[in-house]
């Protein structure tokens, strides 16, 4: 591979076409996959994200159920709604927009969502299934990073993959997914003392540390595959964790920000909704 820009928008379009075909097949069996999105409060960014999910759901034929609750909704009231959606056979996926107001525990709400409807892949049961190598609904962003690399025929087996970041949302799960592909995985983070030395030995780098342009060209092994999961707002606009210009001149393949992993995160969410619906179909 040499100087390839991994186009997340093009790969996302391909993924959505496959998802739409699956939705059509489910429709022939009388099943319309459905996603319920819950927003507590009036956070502008969260409302935008919910609107984007609605648009994407409609584009592939997934039913979208939006529930907006007042900002002073109690934790127990939100838990009651989650349980109502858990019991609703017409709902295949449940997503509660984060962050929640300070008086509500993000972790408690995520843990309350039925793991089989947890299309965000953040329920501890699904993270545990991933760790154990069991079938699960997987976190969307790391799943999108892997899907992007798969579509560019990245070789994993026997390769050294370095994950920069250790969050439960991206870093830890993507490392487990790389292990499944028989890569040798090293985790680094913002406090790793010899980060450049470790990165220079990496065949694959996944950047998910949340620091703008932290990884530069001199830190990358020539020809390495670099996937940038970072999304950082700066005075110059949205940038990743990778200094794109300097790294692109060295890497064999690189994902841009924006336009890399981002578009695939929503595609993987849609895929998780359909997977949940397919499981329900096979069990009925």
Protein backbone atom coordinates (compact mmCIF):
# COMPACT_ATOMS: atom_id res chain seq x y z
CA UNK A 1 0.00 0.00 0.00
CA UNK A 2 1.33 3.45 -0.85
CA UNK A 3 -0.14 6.90 -0.10
CA UNK A 4 -3.72 5.67 -0.15
CA UNK A 5 -6.41 7.95 1.30
CA UNK A 6 -9.07 5.73 2.87
CA UNK A 7 -12.34 7.39 1.85
CA UNK A 8 -14.85 6.83 4.64
CA UNK A 9 -17.67 8.51 2.76
CA UNK A 10 -17.39 6.14 -0.22
CA UNK A 11 -17.10 3.07 2.02
CA UNK A 12 -20.04 4.27 4.13
CA UNK A 13 -22.18 4.58 1.01
CA UNK A 14 -21.31 0.99 0.11
CA UNK A 15 -22.17 -0.18 3.64
CA UNK A 16 -25.52 1.60 3.61
CA UNK A 17 -26.43 0.00 0.27
CA UNK A 18 -25.85 -3.44 1.83
CA UNK A 19 -27.88 -2.45 4.90
CA UNK A 20 -30.77 -1.20 2.76
CA UNK A 21 -30.81 -4.56 0.94
CA UNK A 22 -31.08 -6.38 4.28
CA UNK A 23 -33.92 -4.07 5.35
CA UNK A 24 -35.79 -4.99 2.16
CA UNK A 25 -35.36 -8.70 2.92
CA UNK A 26 -36.67 -8.20 6.45
CA UNK A 27 -39.61 -6.25 5.02
CA UNK A 28 -40.62 -9.31 3.01
CA UNK A 29 -40.98 -11.11 6.35
CA UNK A 30 -43.10 -8.32 7.80
CA UNK A 31 -40.32 -6.82 9.94
CA UNK A 32 -39.36 -3.13 9.80
CA UNK A 33 -36.19 -2.49 11.84
CA UNK A 34 -36.68 0.34 14.31
CA UNK A 35 -34.32 2.63 16.23
CA UNK A 36 -35.47 4.59 19.28
CA UNK A 37 -33.32 7.60 20.19
CA UNK A 38 -33.79 9.34 23.55
CA UNK A 39 -32.59 12.88 24.23
CA UNK A 40 -32.75 14.40 27.70
CA UNK A 41 -32.65 18.19 27.67
CA UNK A 42 -32.05 20.62 24.85
CA UNK A 43 -28.36 20.29 24.01
CA UNK A 44 -27.94 21.72 20.48
CA UNK A 45 -25.20 19.31 19.40
CA UNK A 46 -27.18 16.30 20.60
CA UNK A 47 -30.23 17.51 18.67
CA UNK A 48 -28.11 17.76 15.53
CA UNK A 49 -26.77 14.24 16.05
CA UNK A 50 -30.30 12.91 16.57
CA UNK A 51 -31.41 14.61 13.36
CA UNK A 52 -28.53 13.02 11.46
CA UNK A 53 -29.51 9.60 12.77
CA UNK A 54 -33.11 10.18 11.66
CA UNK A 55 -31.99 11.14 8.15
CA UNK A 56 -29.69 8.12 7.87
CA UNK A 57 -32.32 5.72 9.19
CA UNK A 58 -34.85 6.94 6.66
CA UNK A 59 -32.30 6.59 3.84
CA UNK A 60 -32.09 2.81 4.38
CA UNK A 61 -35.70 2.14 5.44
CA UNK A 62 -35.20 1.91 9.22
CA UNK A 63 -38.05 3.30 11.33
CA UNK A 64 -36.98 6.14 13.64
CA UNK A 65 -38.62 6.84 17.01
CA UNK A 66 -37.42 10.04 18.69
CA UNK A 67 -38.16 10.72 22.37
CA UNK A 68 -37.13 14.07 23.84
CA UNK A 69 -37.46 14.53 27.59
CA UNK A 70 -37.13 17.72 29.68
CA UNK A 71 -33.72 18.50 31.13
CA UNK A 72 -35.05 18.03 34.68
CA UNK A 73 -36.18 14.45 33.98
CA UNK A 74 -35.11 12.28 36.91
CA UNK A 75 -32.82 9.28 36.53
CA UNK A 76 -35.66 6.95 37.57
CA UNK A 77 -37.98 8.46 34.96
CA UNK A 78 -35.37 7.87 32.27
CA UNK A 79 -34.83 4.32 33.52
CA UNK A 80 -38.59 3.74 33.28
CA UNK A 81 -38.57 4.86 29.64
CA UNK A 82 -35.58 2.62 28.85
CA UNK A 83 -37.40 -0.33 30.39
CA UNK A 84 -40.52 0.49 28.35
CA UNK A 85 -38.43 0.44 25.17
CA UNK A 86 -36.70 -2.77 26.30
CA UNK A 87 -40.11 -4.48 26.49
CA UNK A 88 -41.37 -3.07 23.18
CA UNK A 89 -41.03 -5.81 20.55
CA UNK A 90 -41.34 -3.19 17.81
CA UNK A 91 -38.07 -1.53 18.87
CA UNK A 92 -34.85 -3.20 17.75
CA UNK A 93 -32.34 -0.58 18.86
CA UNK A 94 -32.17 1.89 21.73
CA UNK A 95 -29.74 4.79 21.90
CA UNK A 96 -29.67 7.41 24.65
CA UNK A 97 -27.81 10.52 23.52
CA UNK A 98 -24.78 11.40 25.64
CA UNK A 99 -23.80 13.33 27.62
CA UNK A 100 -26.74 13.22 30.00
CA UNK A 101 -27.49 16.00 32.51
CA UNK A 102 -25.21 15.88 35.55
CA UNK A 103 -27.84 14.39 37.87
CA UNK A 104 -28.16 11.25 35.72
CA UNK A 105 -25.51 8.52 35.62
CA UNK A 106 -24.37 7.73 32.06
CA UNK A 107 -23.11 4.33 33.22
CA UNK A 108 -26.35 3.35 34.96
CA UNK A 109 -28.43 4.22 31.89
CA UNK A 110 -26.13 2.35 29.50
CA UNK A 111 -26.23 -0.71 31.75
CA UNK A 112 -30.05 -0.61 31.80
CA UNK A 113 -30.43 -0.96 28.02
CA UNK A 114 -31.19 -4.51 26.88
CA UNK A 115 -27.85 -5.81 25.49
CA UNK A 116 -29.71 -7.16 22.45
CA UNK A 117 -30.98 -3.64 21.71
CA UNK A 118 -27.79 -1.82 22.70
CA UNK A 119 -26.91 -0.64 19.18
CA UNK A 120 -24.26 1.73 20.55
CA UNK A 121 -22.40 -1.30 21.90
CA UNK A 122 -21.74 0.43 25.24
CA UNK A 123 -23.60 -1.88 27.62
CA UNK A 124 -21.06 -3.66 29.88
CA UNK A 125 -22.51 -7.01 28.80
CA UNK A 126 -21.70 -6.30 25.14
CA UNK A 127 -18.21 -5.05 25.99
CA UNK A 128 -17.71 -8.25 28.00
CA UNK A 129 -18.92 -10.37 25.08
CA UNK A 130 -16.43 -8.61 22.82
CA UNK A 131 -13.64 -9.29 25.32
CA UNK A 132 -14.69 -12.96 25.46
CA UNK A 133 -14.90 -13.37 21.69
CA UNK A 134 -18.67 -13.92 21.77
CA UNK A 135 -21.23 -12.52 19.31
CA UNK A 136 -22.32 -9.05 20.36
CA UNK A 137 -23.52 -5.66 19.18
CA UNK A 138 -20.21 -3.83 18.93
CA UNK A 139 -19.27 -0.19 19.55
CA UNK A 140 -19.88 1.70 16.32
CA UNK A 141 -16.71 3.78 15.95
CA UNK A 142 -14.16 0.98 16.42
CA UNK A 143 -16.32 -1.26 14.26
CA UNK A 144 -16.25 1.48 11.61
CA UNK A 145 -12.46 1.76 11.80
CA UNK A 146 -12.14 -1.98 11.20
CA UNK A 147 -14.68 -1.91 8.38
CA UNK A 148 -12.75 0.89 6.69
CA UNK A 149 -9.49 -1.05 6.84
CA UNK A 150 -11.19 -4.24 5.64
CA UNK A 151 -12.45 -2.39 2.59
CA UNK A 152 -8.92 -1.34 1.72
CA UNK A 153 -7.62 -4.90 2.16
CA UNK A 154 -5.38 -4.04 5.09
CA UNK A 155 -3.46 -7.11 6.25
CA UNK A 156 -3.75 -7.73 9.99
CA UNK A 157 -2.34 -11.17 10.67
CA UNK A 158 1.10 -11.00 12.23
CA UNK A 159 1.22 -7.20 11.98
CA UNK A 160 2.06 -4.90 14.88
CA UNK A 161 -0.92 -2.65 15.61
CA UNK A 162 -0.57 0.26 18.01
CA UNK A 163 -3.71 1.80 19.50
CA UNK A 164 -3.18 5.27 20.95
CA UNK A 165 -6.03 5.70 23.41
CA UNK A 166 -7.62 3.51 26.07
CA UNK A 167 -11.26 4.58 26.30
CA UNK A 168 -14.09 2.07 26.62
CA UNK A 169 -15.71 3.74 23.61
CA UNK A 170 -12.90 3.34 21.06
CA UNK A 171 -9.42 2.43 22.28
CA UNK A 172 -10.03 -0.76 24.23
CA UNK A 173 -12.66 -2.22 21.84
CA UNK A 174 -10.66 -1.56 18.67
CA UNK A 175 -7.67 -3.27 20.24
CA UNK A 176 -9.78 -6.37 20.88
CA UNK A 177 -11.05 -6.32 17.30
CA UNK A 178 -7.47 -6.12 16.03
CA UNK A 179 -6.55 -9.10 18.21
CA UNK A 180 -9.40 -11.04 16.61
CA UNK A 181 -7.70 -10.41 13.27
CA UNK A 182 -4.47 -11.92 14.66
CA UNK A 183 -2.60 -8.64 14.91
CA UNK A 184 -0.14 -8.13 17.75
CA UNK A 185 -1.58 -5.20 19.69
CA UNK A 186 0.12 -2.56 21.83
CA UNK A 187 -1.91 0.02 23.75
CA UNK A 188 -0.46 3.50 24.23
CA UNK A 189 -1.98 6.67 25.63
CA UNK A 190 -1.23 10.27 26.52
CA UNK A 191 1.17 9.23 29.29
CA UNK A 192 3.18 6.66 27.36
CA UNK A 193 6.81 7.64 27.90
CA UNK A 194 8.31 6.27 24.67
CA UNK A 195 5.40 6.87 22.30
CA UNK A 196 7.51 7.71 19.24
CA UNK A 197 9.63 4.59 19.69
CA UNK A 198 6.54 2.39 19.92
CA UNK A 199 4.80 4.03 16.98
CA UNK A 200 7.87 3.71 14.76
CA UNK A 201 7.55 -0.07 15.11
CA UNK A 202 3.85 -0.14 14.15
CA UNK A 203 2.48 -1.51 10.88
CA UNK A 204 -0.98 -0.21 11.83
CA UNK A 205 -1.74 2.85 13.98
CA UNK A 206 -5.20 3.68 15.32
CA UNK A 207 -5.24 7.16 16.87
CA UNK A 208 -8.01 7.70 19.43
CA UNK A 209 -6.45 9.83 22.15
CA UNK A 210 -8.37 13.10 21.76
CA UNK A 211 -5.42 15.45 21.24
CA UNK A 212 -5.29 17.50 18.04
CA UNK A 213 -2.44 16.62 15.67
CA UNK A 214 -0.58 14.78 18.43
CA UNK A 215 0.87 12.17 16.04
CA UNK A 216 3.27 13.54 13.45
CA UNK A 217 5.08 12.16 10.42
CA UNK A 218 8.39 11.50 12.15
CA UNK A 219 6.57 9.19 14.58
CA UNK A 220 5.29 6.89 11.81
CA UNK A 221 7.01 3.93 10.18
CA UNK A 222 7.18 4.45 6.39
CA UNK A 223 4.35 2.56 4.71
CA UNK A 224 2.25 2.11 7.87
CA UNK A 225 -1.55 2.20 7.83
CA UNK A 226 -2.84 5.11 9.94
CA UNK A 227 -6.48 5.36 11.02
CA UNK A 228 -7.41 8.63 12.72
CA UNK A 229 -10.45 8.38 14.99
CA UNK A 230 -9.92 11.77 16.64
CA UNK A 231 -12.38 14.63 16.22
CA UNK A 232 -11.08 17.87 17.73
CA UNK A 233 -12.52 21.37 17.34
CA UNK A 234 -9.80 23.97 16.81
CA UNK A 235 -9.55 27.52 15.48
CA UNK A 236 -8.66 25.95 12.13
CA UNK A 237 -11.76 23.75 12.16
CA UNK A 238 -12.18 20.03 12.83
CA UNK A 239 -8.90 18.10 12.95
CA UNK A 240 -7.91 14.62 13.99
CA UNK A 241 -5.34 13.27 16.43
CA UNK A 242 -2.96 12.92 13.46
CA UNK A 243 -1.09 15.76 11.78
CA UNK A 244 -2.49 14.78 8.40
CA UNK A 245 -0.05 16.54 6.07
CA UNK A 246 3.13 15.26 7.68
CA UNK A 247 1.80 11.73 8.25
CA UNK A 248 0.26 11.39 4.77
CA UNK A 249 3.69 11.88 3.21
CA UNK A 250 5.01 8.86 5.13
CA UNK A 251 2.08 6.48 5.59
CA UNK A 252 1.09 3.80 3.11
CA UNK A 253 -2.58 4.51 3.83
CA UNK A 254 -4.32 7.12 5.97
CA UNK A 255 -7.87 8.09 6.89
CA UNK A 256 -8.70 11.82 6.77
CA UNK A 257 -10.62 13.89 9.32
CA UNK A 258 -13.32 14.65 8.44
CA UNK A 259 -14.38 12.03 5.91
CA UNK A 260 -12.67 8.96 7.34
CA UNK A 261 -14.02 6.92 10.23
CA UNK A 262 -16.80 9.42 11.04
CA UNK A 263 -19.21 8.47 8.23
CA UNK A 264 -18.76 4.80 9.09
CA UNK A 265 -19.78 5.28 12.73
CA UNK A 266 -23.38 6.00 11.71
CA UNK A 267 -23.31 3.22 9.11
CA UNK A 268 -22.27 0.71 11.79
CA UNK A 269 -25.08 1.98 14.03
CA UNK A 270 -27.57 1.27 11.25
CA UNK A 271 -25.99 -2.14 10.77
CA UNK A 272 -26.39 -2.93 14.47
CA UNK A 273 -30.11 -2.07 14.28
CA UNK A 274 -30.53 -4.47 11.37
CA UNK A 275 -28.51 -7.18 13.13
CA UNK A 276 -30.80 -6.87 16.15
CA UNK A 277 -33.86 -7.15 13.89
CA UNK A 278 -32.41 -10.19 12.09
CA UNK A 279 -31.82 -11.94 15.42
CA UNK A 280 -35.40 -11.27 16.48
CA UNK A 281 -36.57 -12.66 13.14
CA UNK A 282 -34.53 -15.86 13.58
CA UNK A 283 -35.84 -16.35 17.13
CA UNK A 284 -39.52 -15.87 16.25
